[in-house]
């Protein structure tokens, strides 16, 4: 015969479920419902991010290779009009 779970165990399980549900948020970046953490964006805005998005934002970006298309053009010398 199986044992009946005591009432205090049911109450504890219910409280744990409520905590888990209460910790769910919508991730600011991927818009999925998950356990999120606060992240300060741009030193001003607090957003909630899931672990995956948080890791992605905190990962240092490798330096981008130089893009030769965006080299500033030199101005042509102005012609003297005398």
Protein backbone atom coordinates (compact mmCIF):
# COMPACT_ATOMS: atom_id res chain seq x y z
CA UNK A 1 0.00 0.00 0.00
CA UNK A 2 1.33 3.47 -0.90
CA UNK A 3 1.81 6.02 1.80
CA UNK A 4 -0.23 9.17 1.77
CA UNK A 5 1.77 12.35 1.49
CA UNK A 6 1.41 14.46 4.62
CA UNK A 7 -0.40 17.76 4.29
CA UNK A 8 2.74 19.78 5.08
CA UNK A 9 4.51 18.16 2.09
CA UNK A 10 1.64 19.19 -0.21
CA UNK A 11 1.77 22.73 1.17
CA UNK A 12 5.54 22.87 0.62
CA UNK A 13 5.17 21.59 -2.96
CA UNK A 14 2.47 24.18 -3.66
CA UNK A 15 4.69 26.98 -2.31
CA UNK A 16 7.62 25.80 -4.44
CA UNK A 17 5.42 25.80 -7.55
CA UNK A 18 4.16 29.30 -6.74
CA UNK A 19 7.75 30.55 -6.37
CA UNK A 20 8.73 28.97 -9.69
CA UNK A 21 5.76 30.48 -11.48
CA UNK A 22 6.36 33.84 -9.81
CA UNK A 23 9.94 33.88 -11.13
CA UNK A 24 8.84 33.55 -14.76
CA UNK A 25 9.13 36.63 -16.96
CA UNK A 26 9.07 37.39 -20.67
CA UNK A 27 12.61 37.75 -21.99
CA UNK A 28 13.13 41.22 -23.47
CA UNK A 29 15.26 39.90 -26.32
CA UNK A 30 13.76 36.57 -27.43
CA UNK A 31 10.24 37.14 -26.01
CA UNK A 32 10.06 33.64 -24.47
CA UNK A 33 8.62 32.98 -21.04
CA UNK A 34 11.39 31.72 -18.77
CA UNK A 35 13.25 32.41 -15.56
CA UNK A 36 14.87 35.74 -16.26
CA UNK A 37 17.40 37.95 -14.56
CA UNK A 38 17.64 41.72 -14.44
CA UNK A 39 20.10 43.25 -16.89
CA UNK A 40 21.03 46.92 -17.08
CA UNK A 41 21.05 47.98 -20.70
CA UNK A 42 23.09 51.06 -21.52
CA UNK A 43 23.52 52.01 -17.83
CA UNK A 44 19.93 53.26 -17.76
CA UNK A 45 17.29 50.68 -18.71
CA UNK A 46 16.55 47.53 -16.71
CA UNK A 47 15.37 44.60 -18.82
CA UNK A 48 14.68 40.94 -18.03
CA UNK A 49 16.75 38.39 -19.96
CA UNK A 50 16.74 34.59 -20.01
CA UNK A 51 20.03 32.78 -19.42
CA UNK A 52 20.71 32.27 -23.13
CA UNK A 53 20.20 35.91 -24.06
CA UNK A 54 22.09 37.09 -20.98
CA UNK A 55 25.07 34.92 -21.89
CA UNK A 56 24.93 36.17 -25.48
CA UNK A 57 24.97 39.83 -24.42
CA UNK A 58 27.72 39.36 -21.85
CA UNK A 59 29.97 37.42 -24.23
CA UNK A 60 32.72 39.71 -25.56
CA UNK A 61 32.38 40.35 -29.26
CA UNK A 62 35.38 39.55 -31.45
CA UNK A 63 36.82 42.59 -33.18
CA UNK A 64 35.27 43.11 -36.55
CA UNK A 65 37.60 43.06 -39.56
CA UNK A 66 38.24 46.41 -41.15
CA UNK A 67 35.59 47.22 -43.72
CA UNK A 68 37.25 49.10 -46.55
CA UNK A 69 33.95 50.45 -47.83
CA UNK A 70 33.62 52.76 -44.83
CA UNK A 71 37.00 54.50 -45.05
CA UNK A 72 36.39 58.24 -44.95
CA UNK A 73 37.12 59.94 -48.24
CA UNK A 74 39.73 62.62 -48.50
CA UNK A 75 38.53 65.96 -49.61
CA UNK A 76 39.93 67.09 -52.90
CA UNK A 77 42.02 70.26 -52.58
CA UNK A 78 39.94 73.31 -53.36
CA UNK A 79 40.86 74.91 -56.68
CA UNK A 80 41.85 78.53 -56.42
CA UNK A 81 39.49 80.65 -58.48
CA UNK A 82 41.46 83.86 -59.23
